[in-house]
Amino acid sequence: MAALEDYKKKRKFDKTPEPSGEVKPEGGFTYAIQKHKASTLHYDLRLEMEGVLKSWSIPKGPSTDPSQKKLAIPTEDHPLDYADFEGKIPEGQYGAGTVILWDKGTYRSLKEDVSPKQALDQGKLEIFIEGQKLKGAYVLIKTGRKGEFEKRWLFIKMKDEHADARRNPVSTEPGSVISGKTVEDLAKEMDGG
């Protein structure tokens, strides 16, 4: 399946403010996490690879504590323009709800001999994140048996100087890195309240 085909099939761009986007020439290592209040609150991890944003939904949000293994469920690739998206997806549209840019920065692979995409395909991607809220080494690991591989990953903070079991940015830093607004603030503002 062509990159972004799933993304475009699920959305009506005359009804949603989300960017339609195209695959762009590879060249960057954008990292972003969006906080998305849809039917349930979750966090969407996005890593630039091969001209798109590879994406995972992290139901309980990321952690800075290496002892916490966070479930990460792969979702469809998103266009690079999505890394700056904040707004309200209207009722009746795929992913209806409010989205803020919770964290943004860059990442790099910790394995110099393997590209991030190759590491991902092998089921274990070790990266160093330089975000505004998250910093340091993290690993995405595929779990489960054959047939379950595509649905279950873990996102785990690796032990380094940025690891901190006491810090919980999900609860202590709820706002957007570009507007400072929480999902509740933005929803209220966009509803005219």
N, C-alpha and C. Protein backbone atom coordinates (compact mmCIF):
# COMPACT_ATOMS: atom_id res chain seq x y z
N MET A 1 0.85 -1.20 0.00
CA MET A 1 0.00 0.00 0.00
C MET A 1 0.88 1.25 0.00
N ALA A 2 0.52 2.21 -0.81
CA ALA A 2 1.30 3.44 -0.91
C ALA A 2 1.23 4.23 0.40
N ALA A 3 2.34 4.90 0.71
CA ALA A 3 2.39 5.73 1.92
C ALA A 3 1.26 6.76 1.86
N LEU A 4 0.63 7.01 2.97
CA LEU A 4 -0.46 7.97 3.17
C LEU A 4 -1.80 7.56 2.56
N GLU A 5 -1.86 6.41 1.88
CA GLU A 5 -3.13 5.96 1.29
C GLU A 5 -4.18 5.74 2.37
N ASP A 6 -3.81 5.04 3.45
CA ASP A 6 -4.73 4.81 4.57
C ASP A 6 -5.17 6.13 5.19
N TYR A 7 -4.19 7.01 5.40
CA TYR A 7 -4.47 8.32 6.00
C TYR A 7 -5.53 9.06 5.18
N LYS A 8 -5.35 9.11 3.87
CA LYS A 8 -6.26 9.87 3.01
C LYS A 8 -7.63 9.21 2.88
N LYS A 9 -7.66 7.88 2.89
CA LYS A 9 -8.94 7.16 2.80
C LYS A 9 -9.84 7.45 4.00
N LYS A 10 -9.25 7.65 5.17
CA LYS A 10 -10.01 7.81 6.40
C LYS A 10 -10.53 9.23 6.62
N ARG A 11 -10.09 10.19 5.80
CA ARG A 11 -10.41 11.59 6.06
C ARG A 11 -11.09 12.27 4.88
N LYS A 12 -11.98 13.21 5.21
CA LYS A 12 -12.61 14.06 4.19
C LYS A 12 -12.06 15.46 4.41
N PHE A 13 -11.14 15.86 3.55
CA PHE A 13 -10.41 17.10 3.79
C PHE A 13 -11.23 18.37 3.57
N ASP A 14 -12.42 18.22 3.02
CA ASP A 14 -13.31 19.39 2.94
C ASP A 14 -14.07 19.57 4.26
N LYS A 15 -13.91 18.59 5.19
CA LYS A 15 -14.63 18.66 6.46
C LYS A 15 -13.71 18.68 7.68
N THR A 16 -12.45 18.32 7.51
CA THR A 16 -11.53 18.30 8.65
C THR A 16 -10.39 19.29 8.41
N PRO A 17 -9.89 19.94 9.47
CA PRO A 17 -8.79 20.90 9.30
C PRO A 17 -7.42 20.22 9.19
N GLU A 18 -7.38 18.90 9.27
CA GLU A 18 -6.10 18.20 9.19
C GLU A 18 -5.45 18.40 7.82
N PRO A 19 -4.11 18.44 7.78
CA PRO A 19 -3.43 18.62 6.49
C PRO A 19 -3.56 17.38 5.61
N SER A 20 -3.79 17.58 4.31
CA SER A 20 -3.88 16.43 3.41
C SER A 20 -2.47 15.88 3.16
N GLY A 21 -1.51 16.76 2.93
CA GLY A 21 -0.11 16.38 2.85
C GLY A 21 0.25 15.39 1.78
N GLU A 22 1.51 15.35 1.47
CA GLU A 22 2.09 14.42 0.49
C GLU A 22 3.35 13.84 1.10
N VAL A 23 3.78 12.73 0.53
CA VAL A 23 5.08 12.17 0.94
C VAL A 23 6.13 13.17 0.50
N LYS A 24 7.04 13.52 1.41
CA LYS A 24 8.08 14.51 1.08
C LYS A 24 9.42 13.81 1.02
N PRO A 25 10.35 14.39 0.27
CA PRO A 25 11.68 13.78 0.20
C PRO A 25 12.25 13.60 1.60
N GLU A 26 12.83 12.46 1.82
CA GLU A 26 13.41 12.17 3.12
C GLU A 26 14.54 13.15 3.40
N GLY A 27 14.78 13.41 4.64
CA GLY A 27 15.87 14.32 4.94
C GLY A 27 15.88 14.80 6.37
N GLY A 28 14.82 14.54 7.12
CA GLY A 28 14.78 15.02 8.49
C GLY A 28 14.51 13.93 9.48
N PHE A 29 14.57 14.31 10.75
CA PHE A 29 14.31 13.38 11.83
C PHE A 29 13.36 14.04 12.83
N THR A 30 12.22 14.50 12.32
CA THR A 30 11.21 15.14 13.17
C THR A 30 10.64 14.13 14.15
N TYR A 31 10.47 14.59 15.37
CA TYR A 31 9.79 13.82 16.42
C TYR A 31 8.67 14.70 16.95
N ALA A 32 7.50 14.11 17.18
CA ALA A 32 6.39 14.86 17.78
C ALA A 32 5.51 13.91 18.57
N ILE A 33 4.86 14.45 19.59
CA ILE A 33 3.80 13.73 20.29
C ILE A 33 2.61 14.67 20.37
N GLN A 34 1.47 14.19 19.86
CA GLN A 34 0.24 14.96 19.97
C GLN A 34 -0.67 14.33 21.01
N LYS A 35 -1.26 15.18 21.81
CA LYS A 35 -2.24 14.74 22.81
C LYS A 35 -3.59 14.88 22.13
N HIS A 36 -4.35 13.79 22.09
CA HIS A 36 -5.58 13.74 21.30
C HIS A 36 -6.74 13.28 22.17
N LYS A 37 -7.68 14.18 22.39
CA LYS A 37 -8.89 13.85 23.15
C LYS A 37 -9.96 13.50 22.14
N ALA A 38 -10.04 12.20 21.81
CA ALA A 38 -11.07 11.70 20.90
C ALA A 38 -12.08 10.96 21.76
N SER A 39 -12.51 9.75 21.35
CA SER A 39 -13.41 8.98 22.21
C SER A 39 -12.72 8.68 23.54
N THR A 40 -11.40 8.52 23.49
CA THR A 40 -10.59 8.41 24.72
C THR A 40 -9.37 9.31 24.56
N LEU A 41 -8.81 9.73 25.67
CA LEU A 41 -7.60 10.54 25.64
C LEU A 41 -6.41 9.63 25.39
N HIS A 42 -5.55 10.02 24.45
CA HIS A 42 -4.33 9.26 24.18
C HIS A 42 -3.28 10.20 23.62
N TYR A 43 -2.09 9.66 23.45
CA TYR A 43 -0.96 10.43 22.93
C TYR A 43 -0.47 9.74 21.66
N ASP A 44 -0.22 10.52 20.59
CA ASP A 44 0.24 9.96 19.32
C ASP A 44 1.71 10.30 19.10
N LEU A 45 2.54 9.26 19.13
CA LEU A 45 3.97 9.40 18.86
C LEU A 45 4.18 9.40 17.36
N ARG A 46 4.99 10.36 16.86
CA ARG A 46 5.25 10.45 15.43
C ARG A 46 6.76 10.61 15.20
N LEU A 47 7.29 9.77 14.31
CA LEU A 47 8.71 9.81 13.95
C LEU A 47 8.84 9.88 12.44
N GLU A 48 9.58 10.86 11.95
CA GLU A 48 9.77 11.01 10.51
C GLU A 48 10.65 9.89 9.96
N MET A 49 10.13 9.22 8.93
CA MET A 49 10.89 8.19 8.22
C MET A 49 10.36 8.10 6.80
N GLU A 50 11.27 8.06 5.84
CA GLU A 50 10.91 7.88 4.43
C GLU A 50 9.84 8.85 3.95
N GLY A 51 9.93 10.10 4.39
CA GLY A 51 9.05 11.15 3.89
C GLY A 51 7.67 11.23 4.52
N VAL A 52 7.41 10.42 5.57
CA VAL A 52 6.14 10.45 6.29
C VAL A 52 6.42 10.39 7.78
N LEU A 53 5.36 10.51 8.58
CA LEU A 53 5.47 10.32 10.03
C LEU A 53 4.94 8.94 10.38
N LYS A 54 5.82 8.03 10.79
CA LYS A 54 5.38 6.75 11.33
C LYS A 54 4.72 7.06 12.66
N SER A 55 3.60 6.40 12.95
CA SER A 55 2.78 6.82 14.09
C SER A 55 2.32 5.66 14.97
N TRP A 56 2.28 5.93 16.27
CA TRP A 56 1.79 4.98 17.27
C TRP A 56 0.90 5.72 18.25
N SER A 57 -0.18 5.09 18.67
CA SER A 57 -1.02 5.63 19.73
C SER A 57 -0.54 5.05 21.05
N ILE A 58 -0.26 5.94 22.01
CA ILE A 58 0.17 5.51 23.34
C ILE A 58 -0.98 5.87 24.29
N PRO A 59 -1.82 4.87 24.64
CA PRO A 59 -3.04 5.18 25.41
C PRO A 59 -2.80 5.95 26.70
N LYS A 60 -1.75 5.63 27.45
CA LYS A 60 -1.54 6.30 28.74
C LYS A 60 -0.44 7.35 28.70
N GLY A 61 0.08 7.62 27.53
CA GLY A 61 1.11 8.63 27.40
C GLY A 61 2.50 8.09 27.70
N PRO A 62 3.53 8.83 27.28
CA PRO A 62 4.90 8.40 27.49
C PRO A 62 5.35 8.58 28.93
N SER A 63 6.49 8.00 29.27
CA SER A 63 7.00 8.10 30.63
C SER A 63 8.50 8.40 30.60
N THR A 64 8.98 8.98 31.68
CA THR A 64 10.43 9.18 31.86
C THR A 64 11.01 8.13 32.81
N ASP A 65 10.18 7.17 33.20
CA ASP A 65 10.56 6.12 34.15
C ASP A 65 10.85 4.81 33.39
N PRO A 66 12.10 4.33 33.40
CA PRO A 66 12.46 3.11 32.67
C PRO A 66 11.70 1.86 33.12
N SER A 67 11.11 1.87 34.30
CA SER A 67 10.39 0.68 34.77
C SER A 67 8.98 0.60 34.16
N GLN A 68 8.53 1.67 33.49
CA GLN A 68 7.19 1.68 32.91
C GLN A 68 7.24 1.33 31.43
N LYS A 69 6.59 0.24 31.08
CA LYS A 69 6.50 -0.18 29.68
C LYS A 69 5.16 0.30 29.14
N LYS A 70 5.20 1.25 28.23
CA LYS A 70 3.97 1.86 27.71
C LYS A 70 3.54 1.20 26.40
N LEU A 71 2.29 0.73 26.36
CA LEU A 71 1.74 0.15 25.15
C LEU A 71 1.73 1.20 24.05
N ALA A 72 2.16 0.80 22.85
CA ALA A 72 2.17 1.70 21.68
C ALA A 72 1.56 0.93 20.51
N ILE A 73 0.43 1.42 20.01
CA ILE A 73 -0.31 0.72 18.95
C ILE A 73 -0.08 1.45 17.63
N PRO A 74 0.50 0.77 16.62
CA PRO A 74 0.74 1.44 15.33
C PRO A 74 -0.56 1.94 14.71
N THR A 75 -0.48 3.14 14.14
CA THR A 75 -1.60 3.70 13.38
C THR A 75 -1.07 4.03 11.98
N GLU A 76 -1.93 4.56 11.14
CA GLU A 76 -1.51 4.86 9.77
C GLU A 76 -0.44 5.95 9.73
N ASP A 77 0.40 5.90 8.70
CA ASP A 77 1.39 6.95 8.48
C ASP A 77 0.66 8.27 8.29
N HIS A 78 1.28 9.35 8.78
CA HIS A 78 0.73 10.70 8.64
C HIS A 78 1.69 11.55 7.81
N PRO A 79 1.18 12.61 7.14
CA PRO A 79 2.08 13.50 6.40
C PRO A 79 2.96 14.31 7.36
N LEU A 80 4.11 14.74 6.89
CA LEU A 80 5.04 15.51 7.72
C LEU A 80 4.38 16.79 8.26
N ASP A 81 3.48 17.39 7.48
CA ASP A 81 2.79 18.61 7.92
C ASP A 81 2.01 18.39 9.21
N TYR A 82 1.65 17.15 9.50
CA TYR A 82 0.86 16.85 10.68
C TYR A 82 1.64 17.12 11.97
N ALA A 83 2.95 17.16 11.89
CA ALA A 83 3.79 17.36 13.08
C ALA A 83 3.54 18.71 13.74
N ASP A 84 2.90 19.64 13.05
CA ASP A 84 2.58 20.96 13.62
C ASP A 84 1.09 21.15 13.84
N PHE A 85 0.30 20.11 13.61
CA PHE A 85 -1.16 20.26 13.67
C PHE A 85 -1.68 20.38 15.09
N GLU A 86 -2.52 21.39 15.29
CA GLU A 86 -3.35 21.53 16.49
C GLU A 86 -4.73 21.95 15.99
N GLY A 87 -5.75 21.43 16.60
CA GLY A 87 -7.08 21.85 16.19
C GLY A 87 -8.15 20.88 16.63
N LYS A 88 -9.35 21.11 16.13
CA LYS A 88 -10.48 20.27 16.48
C LYS A 88 -10.99 19.55 15.24
N ILE A 89 -10.98 18.23 15.31
CA ILE A 89 -11.52 17.40 14.22
C ILE A 89 -13.02 17.29 14.49
N PRO A 90 -13.85 17.68 13.52
CA PRO A 90 -15.30 17.75 13.76
C PRO A 90 -15.95 16.41 14.05
N GLU A 91 -17.07 16.46 14.78
CA GLU A 91 -17.88 15.26 15.04
C GLU A 91 -18.24 14.61 13.71
N GLY A 92 -18.27 13.29 13.71
CA GLY A 92 -18.62 12.56 12.49
C GLY A 92 -17.43 12.28 11.60
N GLN A 93 -16.28 12.89 11.91
CA GLN A 93 -15.06 12.66 11.13
C GLN A 93 -14.15 11.69 11.88
N TYR A 94 -13.31 10.99 11.12
CA TYR A 94 -12.38 10.04 11.72
C TYR A 94 -11.51 10.76 12.76
N GLY A 95 -11.43 10.22 13.97
CA GLY A 95 -10.60 10.81 15.01
C GLY A 95 -11.20 12.07 15.62
N ALA A 96 -12.52 12.23 15.52
CA ALA A 96 -13.18 13.44 16.03
C ALA A 96 -12.71 13.77 17.45
N GLY A 97 -12.32 15.01 17.65
CA GLY A 97 -11.86 15.45 18.96
C GLY A 97 -10.80 16.53 18.82
N THR A 98 -10.20 16.89 19.94
CA THR A 98 -9.24 17.99 19.99
C THR A 98 -7.81 17.46 20.05
N VAL A 99 -6.93 18.11 19.30
CA VAL A 99 -5.52 17.70 19.21
C VAL A 99 -4.62 18.88 19.55
N ILE A 100 -3.67 18.67 20.47
CA ILE A 100 -2.63 19.68 20.71
C ILE A 100 -1.26 19.05 20.46
N LEU A 101 -0.29 19.89 20.19
CA LEU A 101 1.09 19.43 20.01
C LEU A 101 1.73 19.41 21.39
N TRP A 102 1.78 18.23 21.99
CA TRP A 102 2.24 18.08 23.37
C TRP A 102 3.76 18.17 23.47
N ASP A 103 4.48 17.67 22.47
CA ASP A 103 5.95 17.75 22.47
C ASP A 103 6.44 17.70 21.05
N LYS A 104 7.58 18.34 20.80
CA LYS A 104 8.16 18.33 19.46
C LYS A 104 9.66 18.54 19.54
N GLY A 105 10.35 17.97 18.58
CA GLY A 105 11.80 18.12 18.50
C GLY A 105 12.34 17.24 17.40
N THR A 106 13.47 16.64 17.68
CA THR A 106 14.10 15.74 16.71
C THR A 106 14.49 14.45 17.43
N TYR A 107 14.86 13.48 16.64
CA TYR A 107 15.36 12.23 17.19
C TYR A 107 16.51 11.73 16.33
N ARG A 108 17.28 10.81 16.88
CA ARG A 108 18.32 10.14 16.09
C ARG A 108 18.39 8.69 16.53
N SER A 109 18.82 7.86 15.61
CA SER A 109 18.96 6.45 15.91
C SER A 109 20.19 6.23 16.79
N LEU A 110 20.11 5.31 17.72
CA LEU A 110 21.26 4.97 18.55
C LEU A 110 22.11 3.89 17.90
N LYS A 111 21.63 3.32 16.81
CA LYS A 111 22.38 2.29 16.06
C LYS A 111 22.86 2.92 14.76
N GLU A 112 24.13 3.21 14.67
CA GLU A 112 24.66 3.90 13.49
C GLU A 112 24.70 3.04 12.24
N ASP A 113 24.73 1.72 12.41
CA ASP A 113 24.86 0.83 11.25
C ASP A 113 23.51 0.41 10.64
N VAL A 114 22.40 0.87 11.24
CA VAL A 114 21.07 0.50 10.76
C VAL A 114 20.21 1.76 10.70
N SER A 115 19.48 1.93 9.59
CA SER A 115 18.59 3.10 9.49
C SER A 115 17.40 2.91 10.44
N PRO A 116 16.74 4.02 10.85
CA PRO A 116 15.57 3.88 11.71
C PRO A 116 14.51 2.96 11.10
N LYS A 117 14.28 3.05 9.79
CA LYS A 117 13.27 2.20 9.14
C LYS A 117 13.69 0.73 9.19
N GLN A 118 14.97 0.44 8.97
CA GLN A 118 15.43 -0.95 9.06
C GLN A 118 15.26 -1.49 10.47
N ALA A 119 15.61 -0.67 11.46
CA ALA A 119 15.47 -1.08 12.86
C ALA A 119 13.99 -1.34 13.19
N LEU A 120 13.12 -0.47 12.70
CA LEU A 120 11.69 -0.64 12.91
C LEU A 120 11.21 -1.95 12.29
N ASP A 121 11.65 -2.21 11.06
CA ASP A 121 11.27 -3.45 10.37
C ASP A 121 11.77 -4.68 11.12
N GLN A 122 12.87 -4.54 11.83
CA GLN A 122 13.43 -5.65 12.61
C GLN A 122 12.76 -5.79 13.98
N GLY A 123 11.93 -4.81 14.34
CA GLY A 123 11.15 -4.91 15.58
C GLY A 123 11.76 -4.27 16.80
N LYS A 124 12.85 -3.51 16.64
CA LYS A 124 13.44 -2.84 17.80
C LYS A 124 14.15 -1.56 17.33
N LEU A 125 13.57 -0.43 17.69
CA LEU A 125 14.12 0.87 17.30
C LEU A 125 14.57 1.60 18.56
N GLU A 126 15.88 1.83 18.68
CA GLU A 126 16.44 2.58 19.80
C GLU A 126 16.79 3.98 19.31
N ILE A 127 16.22 4.99 19.98
CA ILE A 127 16.41 6.37 19.53
C ILE A 127 16.77 7.28 20.70
N PHE A 128 17.35 8.42 20.36
CA PHE A 128 17.59 9.48 21.33
C PHE A 128 16.69 10.64 20.94
N ILE A 129 15.81 11.04 21.85
CA ILE A 129 14.85 12.11 21.60
C ILE A 129 15.37 13.42 22.18
N GLU A 130 15.29 14.48 21.37
CA GLU A 130 15.59 15.85 21.81
C GLU A 130 14.30 16.65 21.69
N GLY A 131 13.40 16.47 22.65
CA GLY A 131 12.14 17.19 22.63
C GLY A 131 12.15 18.30 23.66
N GLN A 132 11.04 19.03 23.74
CA GLN A 132 10.93 20.08 24.75
C GLN A 132 10.52 19.50 26.10
N LYS A 133 9.84 18.35 26.07
CA LYS A 133 9.42 17.69 27.32
C LYS A 133 10.15 16.37 27.54
N LEU A 134 10.32 15.60 26.48
CA LEU A 134 11.04 14.33 26.59
C LEU A 134 12.44 14.48 26.03
N LYS A 135 13.41 13.91 26.76
CA LYS A 135 14.80 13.90 26.31
C LYS A 135 15.38 12.55 26.67
N GLY A 136 16.36 12.13 25.86
CA GLY A 136 17.09 10.92 26.20
C GLY A 136 16.74 9.73 25.33
N ALA A 137 17.27 8.58 25.76
CA ALA A 137 17.14 7.34 25.00
C ALA A 137 15.82 6.64 25.29
N TYR A 138 15.17 6.22 24.22
CA TYR A 138 13.93 5.45 24.29
C TYR A 138 14.04 4.28 23.32
N VAL A 139 13.23 3.25 23.57
CA VAL A 139 13.19 2.12 22.66
C VAL A 139 11.73 1.79 22.34
N LEU A 140 11.48 1.47 21.08
CA LEU A 140 10.20 0.94 20.63
C LEU A 140 10.45 -0.53 20.30
N ILE A 141 9.74 -1.43 20.98
CA ILE A 141 9.95 -2.86 20.79
C ILE A 141 8.65 -3.53 20.39
N LYS A 142 8.72 -4.32 19.31
CA LYS A 142 7.57 -5.09 18.86
C LYS A 142 7.41 -6.30 19.78
N THR A 143 6.17 -6.60 20.16
CA THR A 143 5.94 -7.73 21.06
C THR A 143 4.94 -8.70 20.45
N GLY A 144 4.66 -9.78 21.15
CA GLY A 144 3.65 -10.73 20.69
C GLY A 144 4.21 -11.78 19.77
N ARG A 145 3.32 -12.67 19.31
CA ARG A 145 3.71 -13.74 18.40
C ARG A 145 3.36 -13.35 16.98
N LYS A 146 3.76 -14.20 16.02
CA LYS A 146 3.42 -13.94 14.62
C LYS A 146 1.92 -13.69 14.49
N GLY A 147 1.56 -12.76 13.64
CA GLY A 147 0.16 -12.41 13.47
C GLY A 147 -0.28 -11.28 14.40
N GLU A 148 0.40 -11.16 15.53
CA GLU A 148 0.08 -10.08 16.48
C GLU A 148 1.10 -8.95 16.38
N PHE A 149 2.17 -9.17 15.63
CA PHE A 149 3.29 -8.22 15.59
C PHE A 149 2.88 -6.80 15.24
N GLU A 150 1.98 -6.63 14.30
CA GLU A 150 1.66 -5.29 13.82
C GLU A 150 0.87 -4.47 14.82
N LYS A 151 0.31 -5.11 15.83
CA LYS A 151 -0.59 -4.40 16.73
C LYS A 151 0.00 -4.04 18.09
N ARG A 152 1.08 -4.69 18.50
CA ARG A 152 1.55 -4.48 19.87
C ARG A 152 3.03 -4.12 19.91
N TRP A 153 3.29 -2.91 20.38
CA TRP A 153 4.65 -2.44 20.60
C TRP A 153 4.71 -1.90 22.03
N LEU A 154 5.91 -1.75 22.54
CA LEU A 154 6.13 -1.08 23.81
C LEU A 154 7.05 0.10 23.59
N PHE A 155 6.77 1.21 24.26
CA PHE A 155 7.60 2.42 24.20
C PHE A 155 8.17 2.60 25.61
N ILE A 156 9.49 2.49 25.73
CA ILE A 156 10.12 2.44 27.04
C ILE A 156 11.29 3.43 27.12
N LYS A 157 11.35 4.15 28.23
CA LYS A 157 12.49 5.03 28.50
C LYS A 157 13.68 4.15 28.89
N MET A 158 14.82 4.37 28.25
CA MET A 158 16.03 3.63 28.59
C MET A 158 16.74 4.34 29.74
N LYS A 159 17.56 3.60 30.46
CA LYS A 159 18.29 4.19 31.59
C LYS A 159 19.41 5.09 31.07
N ASP A 160 19.34 6.35 31.44
CA ASP A 160 20.39 7.33 31.14
C ASP A 160 20.21 8.51 32.08
N GLU A 161 20.97 9.58 31.88
CA GLU A 161 20.89 10.72 32.79
C GLU A 161 19.55 11.45 32.73
N HIS A 162 18.73 11.17 31.70
CA HIS A 162 17.41 11.82 31.57
C HIS A 162 16.29 10.99 32.18
N ALA A 163 16.59 9.77 32.59
CA ALA A 163 15.57 8.92 33.22
C ALA A 163 15.22 9.50 34.60
N ASP A 164 13.92 9.50 34.92
CA ASP A 164 13.50 10.05 36.21
C ASP A 164 12.16 9.45 36.60
N ALA A 165 12.19 8.53 37.55
CA ALA A 165 10.97 7.85 37.99
C ALA A 165 10.02 8.80 38.71
N ARG A 166 10.52 9.91 39.22
CA ARG A 166 9.66 10.85 39.97
C ARG A 166 8.96 11.85 39.06
N ARG A 167 9.51 12.08 37.90
CA ARG A 167 8.94 13.09 36.99
C ARG A 167 7.84 12.45 36.15
N ASN A 168 6.71 13.11 36.04
CA ASN A 168 5.62 12.60 35.22
C ASN A 168 5.09 13.73 34.33
N PRO A 169 5.73 13.96 33.17
CA PRO A 169 5.32 15.09 32.33
C PRO A 169 3.89 15.00 31.82
N VAL A 170 3.33 13.79 31.74
CA VAL A 170 1.95 13.65 31.28
C VAL A 170 1.00 14.39 32.23
N SER A 171 1.24 14.31 33.54
CA SER A 171 0.35 15.02 34.47
C SER A 171 0.84 16.41 34.84
N THR A 172 2.16 16.64 34.86
CA THR A 172 2.67 17.94 35.30
C THR A 172 2.83 18.96 34.17
N GLU A 173 2.86 18.49 32.92
CA GLU A 173 3.04 19.39 31.77
C GLU A 173 1.98 19.08 30.72
N PRO A 174 0.70 19.40 31.01
CA PRO A 174 -0.39 18.99 30.12
C PRO A 174 -0.56 19.83 28.85
N GLY A 175 0.07 21.00 28.80
CA GLY A 175 -0.20 21.93 27.70
C GLY A 175 0.61 21.73 26.44
N SER A 176 0.20 22.44 25.40
CA SER A 176 0.85 22.44 24.10
C SER A 176 2.20 23.15 24.16
N VAL A 177 3.16 22.66 23.40
CA VAL A 177 4.47 23.33 23.34
C VAL A 177 4.45 24.55 22.42
N ILE A 178 3.38 24.73 21.63
CA ILE A 178 3.33 25.93 20.79
C ILE A 178 2.33 26.97 21.30
N SER A 179 1.22 26.53 21.86
CA SER A 179 0.21 27.50 22.31
C SER A 179 0.10 27.57 23.83
N GLY A 180 0.62 26.56 24.53
CA GLY A 180 0.49 26.50 25.98
C GLY A 180 -0.88 26.01 26.44
N LYS A 181 -1.82 25.85 25.48
CA LYS A 181 -3.19 25.44 25.83
C LYS A 181 -3.27 23.95 26.10
N THR A 182 -4.20 23.56 26.98
CA THR A 182 -4.51 22.15 27.19
C THR A 182 -5.56 21.75 26.14
N VAL A 183 -5.82 20.45 26.01
CA VAL A 183 -6.86 20.03 25.06
C VAL A 183 -8.21 20.61 25.47
N GLU A 184 -8.45 20.72 26.78
CA GLU A 184 -9.71 21.28 27.26
C GLU A 184 -9.82 22.77 26.90
N ASP A 185 -8.72 23.53 27.08
CA ASP A 185 -8.70 24.96 26.72
C ASP A 185 -9.01 25.14 25.23
N LEU A 186 -8.32 24.35 24.40
CA LEU A 186 -8.49 24.50 22.95
C LEU A 186 -9.90 24.11 22.52
N ALA A 187 -10.42 23.04 23.10
CA ALA A 187 -11.79 22.61 22.76
C ALA A 187 -12.79 23.71 23.10
N LYS A 188 -12.64 24.30 24.27
CA LYS A 188 -13.54 25.36 24.72
C LYS A 188 -13.43 26.57 23.80
N GLU A 189 -12.20 26.95 23.46
CA GLU A 189 -11.97 28.09 22.58
C GLU A 189 -12.60 27.86 21.20
N MET A 190 -12.43 26.66 20.67
CA MET A 190 -12.94 26.36 19.32
C MET A 190 -14.45 26.19 19.30
N ASP A 191 -15.02 25.92 20.48
CA ASP A 191 -16.48 25.84 20.58
C ASP A 191 -17.09 27.21 20.86
N GLY A 192 -16.24 28.25 20.91
CA GLY A 192 -16.71 29.60 21.13
C GLY A 192 -16.92 29.95 22.60
N GLY A 193 -16.31 29.14 23.49
CA GLY A 193 -16.50 29.40 24.92
C GLY A 193 -15.32 29.96 25.50
